[in-house]
Amino acid sequence: MKKLFILGIIFAAVSIFASNQNSNEKERIIATVDGYKITKAELDRQVAILLPKSFYHSTVTEKKLKEVEKDALKELIKKHLLLEYAKQKRYEISDSIVNREAKKIEKAFGSKENLLKRLKRSNLTYDEFKKELRNDLIMQMLYDKEIKTDLSEAELKRYYEKNRYKFKVPEKIRVKIIYIRNDPTDPKGYEKALSRAKEALKKIKSGEDFGDIASKYSNAMSRIKGGDMGFIHKGMLDEPIEKVAYSLKAGEVSDIVDTPKGFYIIKLEEISPSVQLEFDEVKDRLKKELKSKYEKEKLDKILKTMRKKTKIEYR
């Protein structure tokens, strides 16, 4: 809510939608929120905000446009539910404040004339601009009064102490693998792959470098790095491979592991034990995450209440 919605409208290339529409199409009602009519023109403005800047109208597929329109309508309904809530709570913005903020935006554009030109390109009148600006300011007031969450260091520390387990870096292992693919289209694929795996393992056991053998024998992309998968943690490998890898000691090489995909030979290079992150290491990230979490919970609670008592109709 901190970013002014009206600025998004002004800078969005709404004209790409408006140019091919007559006035009746622009005023076509898409949905109503307790009697408030969301028009096609309003939906188009929101779509223009949501569309990635890299898109041009000519390159937006019909399917992509429908997806964005669906998301845009959800955002507009959410916006008007919040405005209705603010109205019921009697949150109001005086004309003097709206005029003051409008002057700031005019100054940012260099002059009122420049702003008016930009508004015209965005298919907005000055009165519509002022109305959207007022809505922005009401939404900001709602955010400041009921949603904004500031957490003290003491609160963050209490959360950290109660949830220390969440701030542990799990044990990691560094492994190298050799993967011999079993070609399912070859009737003798299994035997050929197993024979190749046995040949590779024999060479490793005779003292040849695991990485060299991986480069020559493996079908995995990791062969270009001598089979090195880097550090991984549980859940990153298929279960049969992971089970074997975690059973090895540093420096050990596994026997051949038979899987539906083919055969694996695994070498455990090193083990990085689990580490407990200290509060000072995580507090900035924790503050950002908790702030976002708590504010979303407050917002969702308001929206849930409003959806129960607000009539929403789709046309």
Protein backbone atom coordinates (compact mmCIF):
# COMPACT_ATOMS: atom_id res chain seq x y z
CA MET A 1 0.00 0.00 0.00
CA LYS A 2 2.96 2.31 0.30
CA LYS A 3 3.24 2.73 -3.47
CA LEU A 4 0.60 5.03 -4.92
CA PHE A 5 -1.75 3.10 -7.20
CA ILE A 6 -2.42 6.25 -9.20
CA LEU A 7 1.24 6.47 -10.23
CA GLY A 8 1.01 2.94 -11.56
CA ILE A 9 -1.96 4.00 -13.68
CA ILE A 10 -0.21 7.11 -14.97
CA PHE A 11 2.91 5.27 -16.05
CA ALA A 12 1.10 2.23 -17.50
CA ALA A 13 0.65 2.20 -21.25
CA VAL A 14 -3.14 2.15 -21.08
CA SER A 15 -3.49 3.70 -24.51
CA ILE A 16 -2.60 0.35 -26.13
CA PHE A 17 -5.91 -1.01 -24.85
CA ALA A 18 -8.00 2.12 -25.26
CA SER A 19 -7.19 2.79 -28.90
CA ASN A 20 -9.31 -0.03 -30.28
CA GLN A 21 -12.29 0.39 -27.98
CA ASN A 22 -15.39 2.53 -28.38
CA SER A 23 -16.91 4.38 -25.44
CA ASN A 24 -19.55 1.70 -24.85
CA GLU A 25 -16.90 -0.99 -24.54
CA LYS A 26 -14.87 1.12 -22.10
CA GLU A 27 -17.91 1.60 -19.88
CA ARG A 28 -18.95 -2.06 -20.02
CA ILE A 29 -19.40 -3.35 -16.47
CA ILE A 30 -17.14 -6.29 -15.61
CA ALA A 31 -18.14 -6.74 -11.96
CA THR A 32 -19.83 -4.93 -9.08
CA VAL A 33 -18.69 -4.69 -5.47
CA ASP A 34 -21.64 -3.68 -3.29
CA GLY A 35 -22.96 -1.62 -6.16
CA TYR A 36 -19.60 -0.13 -7.20
CA LYS A 37 -19.19 -0.80 -10.92
CA ILE A 38 -15.82 -2.01 -12.16
CA THR A 39 -15.71 -1.04 -15.84
CA LYS A 40 -13.68 -2.39 -18.73
CA ALA A 41 -11.68 0.85 -18.74
CA GLU A 42 -10.73 0.39 -15.08
CA LEU A 43 -9.83 -3.25 -15.72
CA ASP A 44 -7.64 -2.24 -18.69
CA ARG A 45 -5.77 0.24 -16.53
CA GLN A 46 -5.06 -2.45 -13.95
CA VAL A 47 -4.01 -4.91 -16.67
CA ALA A 48 -1.54 -2.36 -18.02
CA ILE A 49 0.00 -2.07 -14.55
CA LEU A 50 0.34 -5.83 -14.16
CA LEU A 51 1.68 -6.62 -17.61
CA PRO A 52 5.47 -6.97 -17.58
CA LYS A 53 7.18 -3.93 -19.02
CA SER A 54 8.95 -6.15 -21.54
CA PHE A 55 5.61 -6.94 -23.22
CA TYR A 56 4.22 -4.94 -26.09
CA HIS A 57 0.54 -5.29 -26.94
CA SER A 58 1.35 -7.04 -30.21
CA THR A 59 3.30 -9.77 -28.44
CA VAL A 60 0.81 -10.52 -25.66
CA THR A 61 -1.01 -13.74 -26.49
CA GLU A 62 -4.75 -14.01 -25.96
CA LYS A 63 -4.14 -16.66 -23.29
CA LYS A 64 -1.64 -14.47 -21.45
CA LEU A 65 -3.98 -11.48 -21.61
CA LYS A 66 -6.86 -13.52 -20.15
CA GLU A 67 -4.63 -14.64 -17.26
CA VAL A 68 -3.57 -11.07 -16.52
CA GLU A 69 -7.17 -9.83 -16.75
CA LYS A 70 -8.19 -12.44 -14.19
CA ASP A 71 -5.45 -11.31 -11.79
CA ALA A 72 -6.27 -7.65 -12.46
CA LEU A 73 -9.94 -8.18 -11.58
CA LYS A 74 -8.94 -9.89 -8.33
CA GLU A 75 -6.77 -6.90 -7.44
CA LEU A 76 -9.54 -4.42 -8.23
CA ILE A 77 -12.08 -6.33 -6.16
CA LYS A 78 -9.62 -6.47 -3.27
CA LYS A 79 -9.00 -2.73 -3.61
CA HIS A 80 -12.70 -1.87 -3.52
CA LEU A 81 -13.35 -4.21 -0.59
CA LEU A 82 -10.67 -2.35 1.35
CA LEU A 83 -12.07 1.03 0.32
CA GLU A 84 -15.53 -0.07 1.46
CA TYR A 85 -14.03 -1.21 4.77
CA ALA A 86 -12.27 2.15 5.15
CA LYS A 87 -15.54 3.92 4.41
CA GLN A 88 -17.32 1.92 7.10
CA LYS A 89 -14.53 2.81 9.54
CA ARG A 90 -14.98 6.47 8.55
CA TYR A 91 -11.44 6.93 7.27
CA GLU A 92 -11.52 10.18 5.32
CA ILE A 93 -9.01 12.42 3.56
CA SER A 94 -9.63 16.15 3.40
CA ASP A 95 -9.66 18.05 0.11
CA SER A 96 -6.67 20.09 1.28
CA ILE A 97 -4.54 16.96 1.70
CA VAL A 98 -5.63 15.59 -1.70
CA ASN A 99 -4.78 18.96 -3.32
CA ARG A 100 -1.43 19.07 -1.55
CA GLU A 101 -0.49 15.59 -2.78
CA ALA A 102 -1.75 16.41 -6.29
CA LYS A 103 0.56 19.46 -6.34
CA LYS A 104 3.49 17.22 -5.38
CA ILE A 105 2.76 14.93 -8.32
CA GLU A 106 2.34 17.91 -10.68
CA LYS A 107 5.74 19.17 -9.52
CA ALA A 108 7.28 15.74 -10.13
CA PHE A 109 6.04 15.94 -13.73
CA GLY A 110 7.39 19.47 -14.14
CA SER A 111 3.99 21.16 -14.43
CA LYS A 112 0.27 20.52 -14.35
CA GLU A 113 0.24 20.69 -18.14
CA ASN A 114 2.78 17.84 -18.36
CA LEU A 115 0.72 15.80 -15.93
CA LEU A 116 -2.43 16.41 -17.97
CA LYS A 117 -0.67 15.18 -21.10
CA ARG A 118 0.40 12.04 -19.30
CA LEU A 119 -3.10 11.51 -17.92
CA LYS A 120 -4.55 11.80 -21.42
CA ARG A 121 -2.16 9.10 -22.65
CA SER A 122 -3.34 6.94 -19.74
CA ASN A 123 -7.00 7.57 -20.60
CA LEU A 124 -7.66 9.49 -17.36
CA THR A 125 -9.27 12.85 -16.71
CA TYR A 126 -7.91 15.15 -14.02
CA ASP A 127 -11.02 14.52 -11.90
CA GLU A 128 -10.48 10.75 -12.17
CA PHE A 129 -6.86 11.29 -11.21
CA LYS A 130 -7.92 13.20 -8.08
CA LYS A 131 -10.43 10.48 -7.19
CA GLU A 132 -7.82 7.73 -7.50
CA LEU A 133 -5.36 9.81 -5.52
CA ARG A 134 -7.90 10.18 -2.72
CA ASN A 135 -8.44 6.41 -2.77
CA ASP A 136 -4.68 5.89 -2.55
CA LEU A 137 -4.45 8.14 0.48
CA ILE A 138 -7.38 6.41 2.17
CA MET A 139 -5.72 3.04 1.57
CA GLN A 140 -2.49 4.41 3.04
CA MET A 141 -4.40 5.60 6.10
CA LEU A 142 -5.94 2.15 6.50
CA TYR A 143 -2.50 0.57 6.21
CA ASP A 144 -0.98 2.94 8.77
CA LYS A 145 -3.80 2.50 11.29
CA GLU A 146 -4.63 -1.22 11.04
CA ILE A 147 -2.07 -3.16 9.03
CA LYS A 148 1.37 -1.63 9.47
CA THR A 149 3.50 -3.73 11.81
CA ASP A 150 6.70 -2.57 13.46
CA LEU A 151 8.65 -5.15 15.45
CA SER A 152 11.08 -4.31 18.21
CA GLU A 153 14.36 -6.15 18.61
CA ALA A 154 13.01 -7.67 21.83
CA GLU A 155 10.02 -9.12 19.96
CA LEU A 156 12.28 -10.50 17.27
CA LYS A 157 14.58 -12.03 19.89
CA ARG A 158 11.64 -13.75 21.62
CA TYR A 159 10.50 -15.23 18.33
CA TYR A 160 14.03 -16.39 17.59
CA GLU A 161 14.43 -18.11 20.96
CA LYS A 162 11.10 -19.92 20.61
CA ASN A 163 11.94 -21.05 17.07
CA ARG A 164 15.67 -21.66 17.14
CA TYR A 165 15.23 -24.82 15.08
CA LYS A 166 14.10 -22.69 12.14
CA PHE A 167 17.46 -20.97 12.05
CA LYS A 168 19.67 -23.99 11.66
CA VAL A 169 21.66 -24.58 8.52
CA PRO A 170 21.13 -28.31 7.90
CA GLU A 171 23.97 -30.75 7.53
CA LYS A 172 25.33 -30.72 3.98
CA ILE A 173 27.44 -33.17 2.09
CA ARG A 174 29.59 -32.70 -0.99
CA VAL A 175 29.31 -35.61 -3.40
CA LYS A 176 30.56 -36.73 -6.75
CA ILE A 177 28.51 -39.11 -8.85
CA ILE A 178 28.83 -41.28 -11.89
CA TYR A 179 25.53 -42.00 -13.64
CA ILE A 180 25.32 -44.74 -16.27
CA ARG A 181 22.04 -44.46 -18.17
CA ASN A 182 20.01 -47.58 -18.89
CA ASP A 183 18.62 -47.18 -22.42
CA PRO A 184 15.02 -48.52 -22.23
CA THR A 185 14.81 -48.77 -26.02
CA ASP A 186 17.69 -51.26 -26.12
CA PRO A 187 16.71 -54.84 -25.17
CA LYS A 188 20.22 -55.26 -23.79
CA GLY A 189 20.35 -51.78 -22.27
CA TYR A 190 20.35 -53.01 -18.70
CA GLU A 191 23.23 -55.44 -19.23
CA LYS A 192 25.28 -52.89 -21.17
CA ALA A 193 24.79 -50.18 -18.54
CA LEU A 194 25.63 -52.55 -15.68
CA SER A 195 28.75 -53.73 -17.48
CA ARG A 196 29.88 -50.12 -18.00
CA ALA A 197 29.19 -49.29 -14.34
CA LYS A 198 31.22 -52.30 -13.20
CA GLU A 199 34.07 -51.24 -15.48
CA ALA A 200 34.05 -47.71 -14.04
CA LEU A 201 33.96 -48.95 -10.43
CA LYS A 202 36.81 -51.38 -11.07
CA LYS A 203 39.01 -48.55 -12.36
CA ILE A 204 38.19 -46.40 -9.32
CA LYS A 205 39.02 -49.24 -6.94
CA SER A 206 42.31 -49.79 -8.76
CA GLY A 207 43.31 -46.24 -7.89
CA GLU A 208 42.21 -44.14 -10.84
CA ASP A 209 40.80 -40.69 -10.04
CA PHE A 210 37.02 -40.64 -9.50
CA GLY A 211 36.69 -37.33 -11.32
CA ASP A 212 38.54 -38.61 -14.39
CA ILE A 213 36.35 -41.71 -14.52
CA ALA A 214 33.20 -39.57 -14.11
CA SER A 215 34.28 -37.38 -17.03
CA LYS A 216 34.69 -40.47 -19.25
CA TYR A 217 31.83 -42.70 -18.10
CA SER A 218 29.04 -40.59 -16.62
CA ASN A 219 25.93 -39.60 -18.57
CA ALA A 220 25.08 -36.83 -16.09
CA MET A 221 25.81 -33.16 -16.83
CA SER A 222 28.01 -33.12 -13.72
CA ARG A 223 30.58 -35.11 -15.72
CA ILE A 224 32.03 -31.82 -17.00
CA LYS A 225 33.04 -31.12 -13.40
CA GLY A 226 34.31 -34.59 -12.71
CA GLY A 227 30.95 -35.65 -11.32
CA ASP A 228 31.05 -32.97 -8.61
CA MET A 229 27.52 -32.06 -7.42
CA GLY A 230 28.77 -29.52 -4.89
CA PHE A 231 27.21 -29.31 -1.44
CA ILE A 232 23.71 -30.71 -1.15
CA HIS A 233 21.30 -31.31 1.70
CA LYS A 234 18.59 -33.87 2.25
CA GLY A 235 15.81 -33.78 -0.29
CA MET A 236 17.96 -32.72 -3.22
CA LEU A 237 18.70 -36.21 -4.53
CA ASP A 238 16.43 -39.11 -5.40
CA GLU A 239 15.79 -41.17 -2.27
CA PRO A 240 17.85 -44.28 -3.20
CA ILE A 241 20.88 -42.12 -4.09
CA GLU A 242 20.48 -39.90 -1.05
CA LYS A 243 20.22 -42.88 1.30
CA VAL A 244 23.50 -44.30 0.04
CA ALA A 245 25.27 -40.93 -0.03
CA TYR A 246 24.42 -40.21 3.61
CA SER A 247 25.57 -43.67 4.68
CA LEU A 248 29.12 -43.07 3.43
CA LYS A 249 32.06 -41.64 5.31
CA ALA A 250 34.16 -38.82 3.88
CA GLY A 251 36.36 -40.21 1.09
CA GLU A 252 34.33 -43.41 0.66
CA VAL A 253 33.00 -44.66 -2.68
CA SER A 254 29.75 -46.61 -2.85
CA ASP A 255 29.05 -49.86 -4.62
CA ILE A 256 26.91 -49.70 -7.75
CA VAL A 257 23.41 -48.37 -6.97
CA ASP A 258 20.72 -49.88 -9.20
CA THR A 259 17.76 -47.52 -9.90
CA PRO A 260 15.00 -47.45 -12.55
CA LYS A 261 16.91 -44.64 -14.29
CA GLY A 262 20.20 -46.48 -14.45
CA PHE A 263 23.26 -47.10 -12.29
CA TYR A 264 25.04 -44.74 -9.91
CA ILE A 265 28.41 -44.71 -8.21
CA ILE A 266 28.73 -42.14 -5.44
CA LYS A 267 31.72 -40.66 -3.67
CA LEU A 268 31.29 -38.63 -0.48
CA GLU A 269 33.89 -35.87 -0.56
CA GLU A 270 33.18 -34.06 2.69
CA ILE A 271 30.56 -33.38 5.35
CA SER A 272 29.53 -29.92 6.52
CA PRO A 273 27.79 -30.27 9.90
CA SER A 274 24.58 -28.50 10.89
CA VAL A 275 25.15 -24.93 12.13
CA GLN A 276 22.93 -22.85 14.42
CA LEU A 277 22.68 -19.29 13.05
CA GLU A 278 22.98 -16.61 15.72
CA PHE A 279 20.29 -13.97 16.24
CA ASP A 280 22.42 -11.13 14.86
CA GLU A 281 22.91 -13.10 11.64
CA VAL A 282 19.18 -13.49 10.99
CA LYS A 283 17.45 -10.54 12.65
CA ASP A 284 17.26 -8.31 9.56
CA ARG A 285 15.80 -11.08 7.40
CA LEU A 286 13.56 -12.19 10.26
CA LYS A 287 12.20 -8.67 10.73
CA LYS A 288 11.34 -8.38 7.05
CA GLU A 289 9.72 -11.82 6.92
CA LEU A 290 7.66 -11.40 10.10
CA LYS A 291 6.54 -7.92 9.10
CA SER A 292 5.33 -9.27 5.76
CA LYS A 293 3.68 -12.28 7.44
CA TYR A 294 1.85 -10.32 10.14
CA GLU A 295 0.72 -7.60 7.74
CA LYS A 296 -0.62 -10.18 5.30
CA GLU A 297 -2.53 -11.86 8.14
CA LYS A 298 -4.14 -8.55 9.13
CA LEU A 299 -4.99 -7.73 5.53
CA ASP A 300 -6.43 -11.19 4.87
CA LYS A 301 -8.57 -10.93 8.01
CA ILE A 302 -10.09 -7.66 6.81
CA LEU A 303 -10.70 -9.05 3.32
CA LYS A 304 -12.28 -12.22 4.70
CA THR A 305 -14.66 -10.16 6.84
CA MET A 306 -15.57 -7.90 3.94
CA ARG A 307 -16.18 -10.77 1.52
CA LYS A 308 -18.73 -12.23 3.93
CA LYS A 309 -20.73 -9.02 4.11
CA THR A 310 -20.20 -7.62 0.61
CA LYS A 311 -22.13 -8.60 -2.50
CA ILE A 312 -19.79 -9.27 -5.43
CA GLU A 313 -21.30 -9.90 -8.86
CA TYR A 314 -19.52 -10.80 -12.09
CA ARG A 315 -20.97 -9.75 -15.43
